[in-house]
Amino acid sequence: MLVKKLTPLGGKKNRGRMYIPYNLSQAGVDEAGLITGSAVPDNQVVADNFLGDLVAASLPMVIANKVLALDVITGKPYVTEINAGPEVTSVIVEDHVATQRRRLVRS
């Protein structure tokens, strides 16, 4: 299951997603990857409560932004630090199954 994290700011840098594996039964997903039944609304309530509980405990969820540098020898980027970005204000449970790398073909 995929849960999108949204902030009041726009752009790819200011949003995120959480992949929650093994949360759905095979019977709850149709052949096109659409989540059927009450799984989406039920999990939306859980996700909203989770976000609310974090805020109530003064542990707000934020989007982590990586600062990259380029290795001069290999030419590959590497992470130098991770900054706390904007606070997540809402979460949305997606109605299609997902993988971490979004390699599913949609019909």
Protein backbone atom coordinates (compact mmCIF):
# COMPACT_ATOMS: atom_id res chain seq x y z
CA MET A 1 0.00 0.00 0.00
CA LEU A 2 1.22 3.48 -0.80
CA VAL A 3 0.55 6.53 1.39
CA LYS A 4 1.34 9.97 -0.03
CA LYS A 5 2.64 12.64 2.34
CA LEU A 6 1.59 16.21 1.52
CA THR A 7 2.79 19.60 2.76
CA PRO A 8 1.47 23.12 2.15
CA LEU A 9 4.39 23.75 -0.23
CA GLY A 10 4.55 22.64 -3.85
CA GLY A 11 7.23 20.74 -5.71
CA LYS A 12 8.77 17.30 -5.56
CA LYS A 13 11.12 18.38 -2.76
CA ASN A 14 8.14 19.10 -0.49
CA ARG A 15 6.16 15.88 -0.74
CA GLY A 16 6.87 12.25 -0.03
CA ARG A 17 5.46 8.75 0.17
CA MET A 18 5.49 5.75 2.47
CA TYR A 19 5.30 2.22 1.18
CA ILE A 20 3.61 -0.15 3.62
CA PRO A 21 4.22 -3.76 2.56
CA TYR A 22 1.98 -6.73 3.40
CA ASN A 23 -0.92 -4.52 4.47
CA LEU A 24 -3.38 -5.77 1.84
CA SER A 25 -4.74 -9.23 1.18
CA GLN A 26 -4.52 -10.65 -2.33
CA ALA A 27 -8.31 -10.97 -2.39
CA GLY A 28 -8.61 -7.23 -1.71
CA VAL A 29 -6.87 -6.26 -4.96
CA ASP A 30 -8.31 -6.78 -8.45
CA GLU A 31 -6.36 -7.82 -11.56
CA ALA A 32 -5.68 -4.20 -12.56
CA GLY A 33 -4.12 -3.41 -9.17
CA LEU A 34 -7.11 -1.47 -7.84
CA ILE A 35 -7.68 -1.91 -4.11
CA THR A 36 -11.26 -3.07 -3.62
CA GLY A 37 -13.72 -3.02 -0.74
CA SER A 38 -13.29 -0.88 2.34
CA ALA A 39 -9.50 -1.21 2.55
CA VAL A 40 -8.77 2.31 1.27
CA PRO A 41 -11.19 4.19 3.56
CA ASP A 42 -10.28 1.99 6.54
CA ASN A 43 -6.56 2.56 6.02
CA GLN A 44 -7.15 6.29 5.40
CA VAL A 45 -8.64 6.58 8.89
CA VAL A 46 -5.62 4.76 10.35
CA ALA A 47 -3.18 7.00 8.44
CA ASP A 48 -5.00 10.19 9.51
CA ASN A 49 -5.03 9.04 13.14
CA PHE A 50 -1.33 8.18 12.97
CA LEU A 51 -0.46 11.65 11.68
CA GLY A 52 -2.71 13.25 14.31
CA ASP A 53 -1.13 11.20 17.08
CA LEU A 54 2.36 12.30 15.98
CA VAL A 55 1.32 15.96 16.08
CA ALA A 56 -0.37 15.52 19.49
CA ALA A 57 2.84 13.98 20.85
CA SER A 58 4.86 16.97 19.52
CA LEU A 59 6.61 14.66 17.00
CA PRO A 60 5.47 16.14 13.68
CA MET A 61 6.24 14.19 10.52
CA VAL A 62 8.50 16.13 8.14
CA ILE A 63 9.89 15.54 4.67
CA ALA A 64 13.59 14.71 4.86
CA ASN A 65 15.67 16.39 2.15
CA LYS A 66 19.11 15.05 1.25
CA VAL A 67 22.02 17.34 0.39
CA LEU A 68 24.16 15.70 -2.27
CA ALA A 69 27.77 16.26 -3.30
CA LEU A 70 29.70 14.78 -6.21
CA ASP A 71 32.66 12.51 -5.57
CA VAL A 72 35.53 13.94 -7.65
CA ILE A 73 37.15 10.55 -8.19
CA THR A 74 34.17 8.35 -9.10
CA GLY A 75 31.80 11.09 -10.29
CA LYS A 76 28.99 9.56 -8.23
CA PRO A 77 26.79 11.63 -5.92
CA TYR A 78 26.75 10.94 -2.19
CA VAL A 79 24.72 12.31 0.72
CA THR A 80 26.49 14.89 2.87
CA GLU A 81 23.59 15.70 5.21
CA ILE A 82 19.85 15.28 5.65
CA ASN A 83 17.74 18.33 6.46
CA ALA A 84 14.27 18.38 7.98
CA GLY A 85 11.99 19.90 5.39
CA PRO A 86 8.40 21.09 5.72
CA GLU A 87 5.92 19.48 8.09
CA VAL A 88 3.49 16.95 6.63
CA THR A 89 -0.05 18.30 6.93
CA SER A 90 -2.01 15.44 5.36
CA VAL A 91 -1.66 11.88 4.11
CA ILE A 92 -3.54 10.15 1.30
CA VAL A 93 -3.90 6.38 0.94
CA GLU A 94 -3.64 5.48 -2.76
CA ASP A 95 -6.34 3.29 -4.31
CA HIS A 96 -3.86 1.29 -6.44
CA VAL A 97 -1.22 -1.13 -5.22
CA ALA A 98 2.31 0.15 -5.47
CA THR A 99 5.90 -0.93 -5.26
CA GLN A 100 8.73 1.09 -3.79
CA ARG A 101 10.06 1.85 -7.26
CA ARG A 102 6.67 2.40 -8.97
CA ARG A 103 7.31 -0.18 -11.69
CA LEU A 104 3.71 -1.36 -12.04
CA VAL A 105 2.02 -0.78 -15.39
CA ARG A 106 -1.41 0.86 -15.06
CA SER A 107 -4.25 -0.05 -17.39
